[in-house]
Amino acid sequence: MMSSTFFLLMLGVITLIYGPKAVQYQMRITKRWKVYWRLVNRSKAALRDGDEQLSQQLRNLSKGHLTKVLQMQRHRRLVAAFSMLLVGGLYGAMSAMGLIAL
């Protein structure tokens, strides 16, 4: 009983730690997308105004942001999968101990 209580406690603590981090990470991704689209729109506006050099610089910046955002989204999927695994483990441990009635 003692080891299962300890296991349940550790799963709960890990879930409490990683849950908010996943939300914060998603907010960072959203901010990066906003910056990316802002750069794309400014690049299009510069091209309309005839400033091809500025447009090219902004396009290069936006490509860097797009690469970073896609990398962050892949990492977020891993974090989300890990969080779901933790929540499933926590639920399974609690139901095995009889704390949750199915």
PDB file of N, CA and C in Angstrom:
ATOM      1  N   MET A   1       0.829  -1.200   0.000  1.00  0.00           N
ATOM      2  CA  MET A   1       0.000   0.000   0.000  1.00  0.00           C
ATOM      3  C   MET A   1       0.870   1.260   0.000  1.00  0.00           C
ATOM      4  N   MET A   2       1.959   1.202   0.753  1.00  0.00           N
ATOM      5  CA  MET A   2       2.823   2.378   0.855  1.00  0.00           C
ATOM      6  C   MET A   2       3.469   2.710  -0.494  1.00  0.00           C
ATOM      7  N   SER A   3       3.914   1.686  -1.218  1.00  0.00           N
ATOM      8  CA  SER A   3       4.571   1.952  -2.499  1.00  0.00           C
ATOM      9  C   SER A   3       3.573   2.475  -3.535  1.00  0.00           C
ATOM     10  N   SER A   4       2.329   1.971  -3.496  1.00  0.00           N
ATOM     11  CA  SER A   4       1.340   2.467  -4.454  1.00  0.00           C
ATOM     12  C   SER A   4       0.942   3.906  -4.134  1.00  0.00           C
ATOM     13  N   THR A   5       0.893   4.255  -2.853  1.00  0.00           N
ATOM     14  CA  THR A   5       0.600   5.639  -2.475  1.00  0.00           C
ATOM     15  C   THR A   5       1.725   6.560  -2.932  1.00  0.00           C
ATOM     16  N   PHE A   6       2.961   6.115  -2.757  1.00  0.00           N
ATOM     17  CA  PHE A   6       4.110   6.901  -3.199  1.00  0.00           C
ATOM     18  C   PHE A   6       4.091   7.076  -4.716  1.00  0.00           C
ATOM     19  N   PHE A   7       3.775   5.998  -5.437  1.00  0.00           N
ATOM     20  CA  PHE A   7       3.687   6.056  -6.896  1.00  0.00           C
ATOM     21  C   PHE A   7       2.614   7.045  -7.339  1.00  0.00           C
ATOM     22  N   LEU A   8       1.469   6.989  -6.684  1.00  0.00           N
ATOM     23  CA  LEU A   8       0.368   7.900  -6.993  1.00  0.00           C
ATOM     24  C   LEU A   8       0.765   9.344  -6.711  1.00  0.00           C
ATOM     25  N   LEU A   9       1.434   9.560  -5.606  1.00  0.00           N
ATOM     26  CA  LEU A   9       1.884  10.904  -5.245  1.00  0.00           C
ATOM     27  C   LEU A   9       2.883  11.438  -6.266  1.00  0.00           C
ATOM     28  N   MET A  10       3.824  10.602  -6.694  1.00  0.00           N
ATOM     29  CA  MET A  10       4.819  11.041  -7.674  1.00  0.00           C
ATOM     30  C   MET A  10       4.166  11.365  -9.020  1.00  0.00           C
ATOM     31  N   LEU A  11       3.219  10.539  -9.455  1.00  0.00           N
ATOM     32  CA  LEU A  11       2.516  10.832 -10.707  1.00  0.00           C
ATOM     33  C   LEU A  11       1.745  12.142 -10.607  1.00  0.00           C
ATOM     34  N   GLY A  12       1.127  12.383  -9.467  1.00  0.00           N
ATOM     35  CA  GLY A  12       0.394  13.634  -9.264  1.00  0.00           C
ATOM     36  C   GLY A  12       1.305  14.843  -9.328  1.00  0.00           C
ATOM     37  N   VAL A  13       2.457  14.749  -8.688  1.00  0.00           N
ATOM     38  CA  VAL A  13       3.413  15.865  -8.682  1.00  0.00           C
ATOM     39  C   VAL A  13       3.938  16.129 -10.094  1.00  0.00           C
ATOM     40  N   ILE A  14       4.281  15.066 -10.809  1.00  0.00           N
ATOM     41  CA  ILE A  14       4.785  15.236 -12.180  1.00  0.00           C
ATOM     42  C   ILE A  14       3.714  15.853 -13.073  1.00  0.00           C
ATOM     43  N   THR A  15       2.467  15.422 -12.899  1.00  0.00           N
ATOM     44  CA  THR A  15       1.372  15.986 -13.695  1.00  0.00           C
ATOM     45  C   THR A  15       1.177  17.463 -13.385  1.00  0.00           C
ATOM     46  N   LEU A  16       1.270  17.829 -12.110  1.00  0.00           N
ATOM     47  CA  LEU A  16       1.124  19.238 -11.734  1.00  0.00           C
ATOM     48  C   LEU A  16       2.260  20.092 -12.278  1.00  0.00           C
ATOM     49  N   ILE A  17       3.434  19.502 -12.419  1.00  0.00           N
ATOM     50  CA  ILE A  17       4.575  20.254 -12.951  1.00  0.00           C
ATOM     51  C   ILE A  17       4.451  20.432 -14.461  1.00  0.00           C
ATOM     52  N   TYR A  18       4.129  19.355 -15.190  1.00  0.00           N
ATOM     53  CA  TYR A  18       4.149  19.409 -16.650  1.00  0.00           C
ATOM     54  C   TYR A  18       2.884  19.986 -17.274  1.00  0.00           C
ATOM     55  N   GLY A  19       1.766  19.988 -16.573  1.00  0.00           N
ATOM     56  CA  GLY A  19       0.533  20.543 -17.132  1.00  0.00           C
ATOM     57  C   GLY A  19       0.659  22.022 -17.480  1.00  0.00           C
ATOM     58  N   PRO A  20       1.020  22.868 -16.489  1.00  0.00           N
ATOM     59  CA  PRO A  20       1.179  24.300 -16.793  1.00  0.00           C
ATOM     60  C   PRO A  20       2.293  24.586 -17.796  1.00  0.00           C
ATOM     61  N   LYS A  21       3.351  23.780 -17.789  1.00  0.00           N
ATOM     62  CA  LYS A  21       4.436  24.003 -18.748  1.00  0.00           C
ATOM     63  C   LYS A  21       3.956  23.784 -20.174  1.00  0.00           C
ATOM     64  N   ALA A  22       3.095  22.801 -20.362  1.00  0.00           N
ATOM     65  CA  ALA A  22       2.560  22.551 -21.703  1.00  0.00           C
ATOM     66  C   ALA A  22       1.718  23.730 -22.170  1.00  0.00           C
ATOM     67  N   VAL A  23       0.952  24.328 -21.255  1.00  0.00           N
ATOM     68  CA  VAL A  23       0.129  25.495 -21.606  1.00  0.00           C
ATOM     69  C   VAL A  23       1.021  26.684 -21.949  1.00  0.00           C
ATOM     70  N   GLN A  24       2.058  26.919 -21.151  1.00  0.00           N
ATOM     71  CA  GLN A  24       2.982  28.021 -21.426  1.00  0.00           C
ATOM     72  C   GLN A  24       3.673  27.825 -22.772  1.00  0.00           C
ATOM     73  N   TYR A  25       4.043  26.601 -23.075  1.00  0.00           N
ATOM     74  CA  TYR A  25       4.716  26.314 -24.336  1.00  0.00           C
ATOM     75  C   TYR A  25       3.796  26.593 -25.514  1.00  0.00           C
ATOM     76  N   GLN A  26       2.524  26.238 -25.371  1.00  0.00           N
ATOM     77  CA  GLN A  26       1.554  26.518 -26.436  1.00  0.00           C
ATOM     78  C   GLN A  26       1.405  28.023 -26.647  1.00  0.00           C
ATOM     79  N   MET A  27       1.433  28.802 -25.568  1.00  0.00           N
ATOM     80  CA  MET A  27       1.329  30.261 -25.692  1.00  0.00           C
ATOM     81  C   MET A  27       2.549  30.825 -26.418  1.00  0.00           C
ATOM     82  N   ARG A  28       3.727  30.267 -26.159  1.00  0.00           N
ATOM     83  CA  ARG A  28       4.923  30.719 -26.868  1.00  0.00           C
ATOM     84  C   ARG A  28       4.826  30.416 -28.356  1.00  0.00           C
ATOM     85  N   ILE A  29       4.277  29.251 -28.699  1.00  0.00           N
ATOM     86  CA  ILE A  29       4.093  28.897 -30.110  1.00  0.00           C
ATOM     87  C   ILE A  29       3.131  29.873 -30.778  1.00  0.00           C
ATOM     88  N   THR A  30       2.044  30.216 -30.085  1.00  0.00           N
ATOM     89  CA  THR A  30       1.064  31.160 -30.634  1.00  0.00           C
ATOM     90  C   THR A  30       1.711  32.515 -30.897  1.00  0.00           C
ATOM     91  N   LYS A  31       2.545  32.974 -29.976  1.00  0.00           N
ATOM     92  CA  LYS A  31       3.234  34.253 -30.172  1.00  0.00           C
ATOM     93  C   LYS A  31       4.175  34.185 -31.374  1.00  0.00           C
ATOM     94  N   ARG A  32       4.863  33.062 -31.527  1.00  0.00           N
ATOM     95  CA  ARG A  32       5.762  32.906 -32.676  1.00  0.00           C
ATOM     96  C   ARG A  32       4.995  32.948 -33.987  1.00  0.00           C
ATOM     97  N   TRP A  33       3.811  32.310 -34.032  1.00  0.00           N
ATOM     98  CA  TRP A  33       2.989  32.350 -35.248  1.00  0.00           C
ATOM     99  C   TRP A  33       2.592  33.782 -35.565  1.00  0.00           C
ATOM    100  N   LYS A  34       2.234  34.551 -34.536  1.00  0.00           N
ATOM    101  CA  LYS A  34       1.844  35.947 -34.764  1.00  0.00           C
ATOM    102  C   LYS A  34       3.001  36.741 -35.356  1.00  0.00           C
ATOM    103  N   VAL A  35       4.207  36.521 -34.819  1.00  0.00           N
ATOM    104  CA  VAL A  35       5.386  37.216 -35.346  1.00  0.00           C
ATOM    105  C   VAL A  35       5.637  36.800 -36.793  1.00  0.00           C
ATOM    106  N   TYR A  36       5.498  35.505 -37.082  1.00  0.00           N
ATOM    107  CA  TYR A  36       5.703  35.008 -38.446  1.00  0.00           C
ATOM    108  C   TYR A  36       4.747  35.689 -39.416  1.00  0.00           C
ATOM    109  N   TRP A  37       3.455  35.711 -39.089  1.00  0.00           N
ATOM    110  CA  TRP A  37       2.479  36.310 -40.010  1.00  0.00           C
ATOM    111  C   TRP A  37       2.674  37.814 -40.137  1.00  0.00           C
ATOM    112  N   ARG A  38       3.107  38.455 -39.059  1.00  0.00           N
ATOM    113  CA  ARG A  38       3.393  39.887 -39.132  1.00  0.00           C
ATOM    114  C   ARG A  38       4.543  40.137 -40.109  1.00  0.00           C
ATOM    115  N   LEU A  39       5.587  39.304 -40.047  1.00  0.00           N
ATOM    116  CA  LEU A  39       6.713  39.448 -40.979  1.00  0.00           C
ATOM    117  C   LEU A  39       6.283  39.196 -42.424  1.00  0.00           C
ATOM    118  N   VAL A  40       5.444  38.182 -42.625  1.00  0.00           N
ATOM    119  CA  VAL A  40       4.961  37.884 -43.979  1.00  0.00           C
ATOM    120  C   VAL A  40       4.164  39.061 -44.524  1.00  0.00           C
ATOM    121  N   ASN A  41       3.280  39.607 -43.721  1.00  0.00           N
ATOM    122  CA  ASN A  41       2.458  40.736 -44.176  1.00  0.00           C
ATOM    123  C   ASN A  41       3.300  41.977 -44.443  1.00  0.00           C
ATOM    124  N   ARG A  42       4.312  42.220 -43.593  1.00  0.00           N
ATOM    125  CA  ARG A  42       5.188  43.373 -43.832  1.00  0.00           C
ATOM    126  C   ARG A  42       6.009  43.169 -45.104  1.00  0.00           C
ATOM    127  N   SER A  43       6.399  41.926 -45.366  1.00  0.00           N
ATOM    128  CA  SER A  43       7.146  41.622 -46.585  1.00  0.00           C
ATOM    129  C   SER A  43       6.289  41.894 -47.819  1.00  0.00           C
ATOM    130  N   LYS A  44       5.032  41.483 -47.769  1.00  0.00           N
ATOM    131  CA  LYS A  44       4.120  41.739 -48.893  1.00  0.00           C
ATOM    132  C   LYS A  44       3.896  43.233 -49.080  1.00  0.00           C
ATOM    133  N   ALA A  45       3.764  43.962 -47.969  1.00  0.00           N
ATOM    134  CA  ALA A  45       3.561  45.411 -48.063  1.00  0.00           C
ATOM    135  C   ALA A  45       4.794  46.090 -48.656  1.00  0.00           C
ATOM    136  N   ALA A  46       5.990  45.639 -48.254  1.00  0.00           N
ATOM    137  CA  ALA A  46       7.220  46.217 -48.802  1.00  0.00           C
ATOM    138  C   ALA A  46       7.334  45.926 -50.292  1.00  0.00           C
ATOM    139  N   LEU A  47       6.905  44.755 -50.705  1.00  0.00           N
ATOM    140  CA  LEU A  47       6.944  44.404 -52.122  1.00  0.00           C
ATOM    141  C   LEU A  47       5.965  45.263 -52.920  1.00  0.00           C
ATOM    142  N   ARG A  48       4.788  45.516 -52.337  1.00  0.00           N
ATOM    143  CA  ARG A  48       3.815  46.393 -53.003  1.00  0.00           C
ATOM    144  C   ARG A  48       4.353  47.814 -53.133  1.00  0.00           C
ATOM    145  N   ASP A  49       5.128  48.248 -52.121  1.00  0.00           N
ATOM    146  CA  ASP A  49       5.691  49.598 -52.154  1.00  0.00           C
ATOM    147  C   ASP A  49       6.924  49.681 -53.046  1.00  0.00           C
ATOM    148  N   GLY A  50       7.386  48.542 -53.539  1.00  0.00           N
ATOM    149  CA  GLY A  50       8.511  48.547 -54.466  1.00  0.00           C
ATOM    150  C   GLY A  50       9.864  48.352 -53.813  1.00  0.00           C
ATOM    151  N   ASP A  51       9.914  48.086 -52.512  1.00  0.00           N
ATOM    152  CA  ASP A  51      11.187  47.888 -51.813  1.00  0.00           C
ATOM    153  C   ASP A  51      11.507  46.391 -51.773  1.00  0.00           C
ATOM    154  N   GLU A  52      12.150  45.914 -52.832  1.00  0.00           N
ATOM    155  CA  GLU A  52      12.412  44.478 -52.952  1.00  0.00           C
ATOM    156  C   GLU A  52      13.460  43.994 -51.956  1.00  0.00           C
ATOM    157  N   GLN A  53      14.431  44.856 -51.632  1.00  0.00           N
ATOM    158  CA  GLN A  53      15.478  44.444 -50.697  1.00  0.00           C
ATOM    159  C   GLN A  53      14.892  44.215 -49.302  1.00  0.00           C
ATOM    160  N   LEU A  54      14.065  45.135 -48.832  1.00  0.00           N
ATOM    161  CA  LEU A  54      13.423  44.972 -47.525  1.00  0.00           C
ATOM    162  C   LEU A  54      12.507  43.756 -47.529  1.00  0.00           C
ATOM    163  N   SER A  55      11.799  43.557 -48.624  1.00  0.00           N
ATOM    164  CA  SER A  55      10.910  42.403 -48.739  1.00  0.00           C
ATOM    165  C   SER A  55      11.695  41.096 -48.630  1.00  0.00           C
ATOM    166  N   GLN A  56      12.844  41.039 -49.284  1.00  0.00           N
ATOM    167  CA  GLN A  56      13.672  39.826 -49.229  1.00  0.00           C
ATOM    168  C   GLN A  56      14.200  39.590 -47.816  1.00  0.00           C
ATOM    169  N   GLN A  57      14.629  40.660 -47.138  1.00  0.00           N
ATOM    170  CA  GLN A  57      15.117  40.513 -45.764  1.00  0.00           C
ATOM    171  C   GLN A  57      14.012  40.008 -44.840  1.00  0.00           C
ATOM    172  N   LEU A  58      12.827  40.571 -44.991  1.00  0.00           N
ATOM    173  CA  LEU A  58      11.703  40.138 -44.158  1.00  0.00           C
ATOM    174  C   LEU A  58      11.305  38.697 -44.476  1.00  0.00           C
ATOM    175  N   ARG A  59      11.385  38.319 -45.745  1.00  0.00           N
ATOM    176  CA  ARG A  59      11.064  36.943 -46.129  1.00  0.00           C
ATOM    177  C   ARG A  59      12.054  35.962 -45.503  1.00  0.00           C
ATOM    178  N   ASN A  60      13.337  36.329 -45.498  1.00  0.00           N
ATOM    179  CA  ASN A  60      14.345  35.465 -44.876  1.00  0.00           C
ATOM    180  C   ASN A  60      14.104  35.338 -43.374  1.00  0.00           C
ATOM    181  N   LEU A  61      13.745  36.443 -42.733  1.00  0.00           N
ATOM    182  CA  LEU A  61      13.418  36.389 -41.303  1.00  0.00           C
ATOM    183  C   LEU A  61      12.217  35.492 -41.054  1.00  0.00           C
ATOM    184  N   SER A  62      11.206  35.612 -41.903  1.00  0.00           N
ATOM    185  CA  SER A  62       9.994  34.814 -41.700  1.00  0.00           C
ATOM    186  C   SER A  62      10.277  33.326 -41.902  1.00  0.00           C
ATOM    187  N   LYS A  63      11.197  32.984 -42.812  1.00  0.00           N
ATOM    188  CA  LYS A  63      11.548  31.572 -42.998  1.00  0.00           C
ATOM    189  C   LYS A  63      12.191  31.008 -41.736  1.00  0.00           C
ATOM    190  N   GLY A  64      13.042  31.808 -41.101  1.00  0.00           N
ATOM    191  CA  GLY A  64      13.656  31.376 -39.841  1.00  0.00           C
ATOM    192  C   GLY A  64      12.616  31.162 -38.757  1.00  0.00           C
ATOM    193  N   HIS A  65      11.644  32.080 -38.690  1.00  0.00           N
ATOM    194  CA  HIS A  65      10.578  31.938 -37.698  1.00  0.00           C
ATOM    195  C   HIS A  65       9.712  30.720 -37.991  1.00  0.00           C
ATOM    196  N   LEU A  66       9.424  30.476 -39.260  1.00  0.00           N
ATOM    197  CA  LEU A  66       8.603  29.317 -39.620  1.00  0.00           C
ATOM    198  C   LEU A  66       9.304  28.020 -39.221  1.00  0.00           C
ATOM    199  N   THR A  67      10.601  27.938 -39.471  1.00  0.00           N
ATOM    200  CA  THR A  67      11.362  26.753 -39.084  1.00  0.00           C
ATOM    201  C   THR A  67      11.293  26.534 -37.582  1.00  0.00           C
ATOM    202  N   LYS A  68      11.468  27.615 -36.821  1.00  0.00           N
ATOM    203  CA  LYS A  68      11.439  27.514 -35.358  1.00  0.00           C
ATOM    204  C   LYS A  68      10.052  27.118 -34.862  1.00  0.00           C
ATOM    205  N   VAL A  69       9.005  27.697 -35.450  1.00  0.00           N
ATOM    206  CA  VAL A  69       7.637  27.381 -35.022  1.00  0.00           C
ATOM    207  C   VAL A  69       7.320  25.915 -35.285  1.00  0.00           C
ATOM    208  N   LEU A  70       7.696  25.409 -36.447  1.00  0.00           N
ATOM    209  CA  LEU A  70       7.425  24.003 -36.760  1.00  0.00           C
ATOM    210  C   LEU A  70       8.195  23.068 -35.831  1.00  0.00           C
ATOM    211  N   GLN A  71       9.419  23.452 -35.491  1.00  0.00           N
ATOM    212  CA  GLN A  71      10.207  22.667 -34.541  1.00  0.00           C
ATOM    213  C   GLN A  71       9.538  22.679 -33.166  1.00  0.00           C
ATOM    214  N   MET A  72       9.054  23.843 -32.750  1.00  0.00           N
ATOM    215  CA  MET A  72       8.381  23.945 -31.454  1.00  0.00           C
ATOM    216  C   MET A  72       7.093  23.128 -31.442  1.00  0.00           C
ATOM    217  N   GLN A  73       6.378  23.081 -32.557  1.00  0.00           N
ATOM    218  CA  GLN A  73       5.137  22.306 -32.604  1.00  0.00           C
ATOM    219  C   GLN A  73       5.412  20.807 -32.513  1.00  0.00           C
ATOM    220  N   ARG A  74       6.501  20.357 -33.129  1.00  0.00           N
ATOM    221  CA  ARG A  74       6.851  18.939 -32.992  1.00  0.00           C
ATOM    222  C   ARG A  74       7.153  18.616 -31.535  1.00  0.00           C
ATOM    223  N   HIS A  75       7.884  19.503 -30.873  1.00  0.00           N
ATOM    224  CA  HIS A  75       8.209  19.307 -29.458  1.00  0.00           C
ATOM    225  C   HIS A  75       6.946  19.347 -28.608  1.00  0.00           C
ATOM    226  N   ARG A  76       6.008  20.229 -28.958  1.00  0.00           N
ATOM    227  CA  ARG A  76       4.757  20.335 -28.207  1.00  0.00           C
ATOM    228  C   ARG A  76       3.953  19.047 -28.296  1.00  0.00           C
ATOM    229  N   ARG A  77       3.964  18.426 -29.467  1.00  0.00           N
ATOM    230  CA  ARG A  77       3.235  17.154 -29.606  1.00  0.00           C
ATOM    231  C   ARG A  77       3.827  16.095 -28.691  1.00  0.00           C
ATOM    232  N   LEU A  78       5.152  16.077 -28.560  1.00  0.00           N
ATOM    233  CA  LEU A  78       5.785  15.132 -27.647  1.00  0.00           C
ATOM    234  C   LEU A  78       5.409  15.435 -26.202  1.00  0.00           C
ATOM    235  N   VAL A  79       5.401  16.721 -25.833  1.00  0.00           N
ATOM    236  CA  VAL A  79       5.025  17.110 -24.475  1.00  0.00           C
ATOM    237  C   VAL A  79       3.571  16.747 -24.205  1.00  0.00           C
ATOM    238  N   ALA A  80       2.696  16.973 -25.180  1.00  0.00           N
ATOM    239  CA  ALA A  80       1.275  16.640 -25.003  1.00  0.00           C
ATOM    240  C   ALA A  80       1.092  15.134 -24.850  1.00  0.00           C
ATOM    241  N   ALA A  81       1.812  14.353 -25.640  1.00  0.00           N
ATOM    242  CA  ALA A  81       1.705  12.895 -25.522  1.00  0.00           C
ATOM    243  C   ALA A  81       2.204  12.428 -24.161  1.00  0.00           C
ATOM    244  N   PHE A  82       3.304  13.017 -23.695  1.00  0.00           N
ATOM    245  CA  PHE A  82       3.839  12.667 -22.382  1.00  0.00           C
ATOM    246  C   PHE A  82       2.856  13.046 -21.283  1.00  0.00           C
ATOM    247  N   SER A  83       2.231  14.215 -21.397  1.00  0.00           N
ATOM    248  CA  SER A  83       1.251  14.652 -20.401  1.00  0.00           C
ATOM    249  C   SER A  83       0.053  13.711 -20.372  1.00  0.00           C
ATOM    250  N   MET A  84      -0.421  13.299 -21.552  1.00  0.00           N
ATOM    251  CA  MET A  84      -1.550  12.366 -21.598  1.00  0.00           C
ATOM    252  C   MET A  84      -1.175  11.021 -20.980  1.00  0.00           C
ATOM    253  N   LEU A  85       0.044  10.590 -21.215  1.00  0.00           N
ATOM    254  CA  LEU A  85       0.510   9.348 -20.614  1.00  0.00           C
ATOM    255  C   LEU A  85       0.525   9.461 -19.092  1.00  0.00           C
ATOM    256  N   LEU A  86       0.975  10.613 -18.581  1.00  0.00           N
ATOM    257  CA  LEU A  86       0.988  10.824 -17.135  1.00  0.00           C
ATOM    258  C   LEU A  86      -0.417  10.843 -16.552  1.00  0.00           C
ATOM    259  N   VAL A  87      -1.323  11.534 -17.211  1.00  0.00           N
ATOM    260  CA  VAL A  87      -2.699  11.600 -16.716  1.00  0.00           C
ATOM    261  C   VAL A  87      -3.337  10.215 -16.751  1.00  0.00           C
ATOM    262  N   GLY A  88      -3.084   9.462 -17.811  1.00  0.00           N
ATOM    263  CA  GLY A  88      -3.605   8.095 -17.886  1.00  0.00           C
ATOM    264  C   GLY A  88      -3.033   7.213 -16.788  1.00  0.00           C
ATOM    265  N   GLY A  89      -1.742   7.360 -16.530  1.00  0.00           N
ATOM    266  CA  GLY A  89      -1.114   6.600 -15.444  1.00  0.00           C
ATOM    267  C   GLY A  89      -1.671   6.981 -14.092  1.00  0.00           C
ATOM    268  N   LEU A  90      -1.904   8.272 -13.899  1.00  0.00           N
ATOM    269  CA  LEU A  90      -2.476   8.751 -12.639  1.00  0.00           C
ATOM    270  C   LEU A  90      -3.879   8.198 -12.448  1.00  0.00           C
ATOM    271  N   TYR A  91      -4.683   8.232 -13.490  1.00  0.00           N
ATOM    272  CA  TYR A  91      -6.045   7.700 -13.415  1.00  0.00           C
ATOM    273  C   TYR A  91      -6.019   6.191 -13.153  1.00  0.00           C
ATOM    274  N   GLY A  92      -5.136   5.488 -13.856  1.00  0.00           N
ATOM    275  CA  GLY A  92      -5.028   4.041 -13.657  1.00  0.00           C
ATOM    276  C   GLY A  92      -4.599   3.687 -12.247  1.00  0.00           C
ATOM    277  N   ALA A  93      -3.629   4.436 -11.722  1.00  0.00           N
ATOM    278  CA  ALA A  93      -3.166   4.164 -10.359  1.00  0.00           C
ATOM    279  C   ALA A  93      -4.259   4.453  -9.341  1.00  0.00           C
ATOM    280  N   MET A  94      -4.987   5.536  -9.547  1.00  0.00           N
ATOM    281  CA  MET A  94      -6.053   5.878  -8.599  1.00  0.00           C
ATOM    282  C   MET A  94      -7.190   4.864  -8.664  1.00  0.00           C
ATOM    283  N   SER A  95      -7.521   4.393  -9.854  1.00  0.00           N
ATOM    284  CA  SER A  95      -8.603   3.410  -9.949  1.00  0.00           C
ATOM    285  C   SER A  95      -8.153   2.064  -9.397  1.00  0.00           C
ATOM    286  N   ALA A  96      -6.872   1.722  -9.554  1.00  0.00           N
ATOM    287  CA  ALA A  96      -6.360   0.468  -9.001  1.00  0.00           C
ATOM    288  C   ALA A  96      -6.372   0.497  -7.475  1.00  0.00           C
ATOM    289  N   MET A  97      -6.164   1.671  -6.899  1.00  0.00           N
ATOM    290  CA  MET A  97      -6.186   1.790  -5.441  1.00  0.00           C
ATOM    291  C   MET A  97      -7.605   1.913  -4.903  1.00  0.00           C
ATOM    292  N   GLY A  98      -8.559   2.039  -5.786  1.00  0.00           N
ATOM    293  CA  GLY A  98      -9.941   2.146  -5.333  1.00  0.00           C
ATOM    294  C   GLY A  98     -10.360   3.559  -4.986  1.00  0.00           C
ATOM    295  N   LEU A  99      -9.565   4.547  -5.386  1.00  0.00           N
ATOM    296  CA  LEU A  99      -9.911   5.939  -5.084  1.00  0.00           C
ATOM    297  C   LEU A  99     -10.944   6.489  -6.054  1.00  0.00           C
ATOM    298  N   ILE A 100     -11.025   5.885  -7.241  1.00  0.00           N
ATOM    299  CA  ILE A 100     -11.996   6.313  -8.243  1.00  0.00           C
ATOM    300  C   ILE A 100     -12.898   5.127  -8.548  1.00  0.00           C
ATOM    301  N   ALA A 101     -14.181   5.348  -8.448  1.00  0.00           N
ATOM    302  CA  ALA A 101     -15.128   4.281  -8.786  1.00  0.00           C
ATOM    303  C   ALA A 101     -15.434   4.365 -10.276  1.00  0.00           C
ATOM    304  N   LEU A 102     -15.246   3.277 -10.976  1.00  0.00           N
ATOM    305  CA  LEU A 102     -15.509   3.257 -12.416  1.00  0.00           C
ATOM    306  C   LEU A 102     -16.947   3.166 -12.651  1.00  0.00           C
TER     307      LEU A 102
END
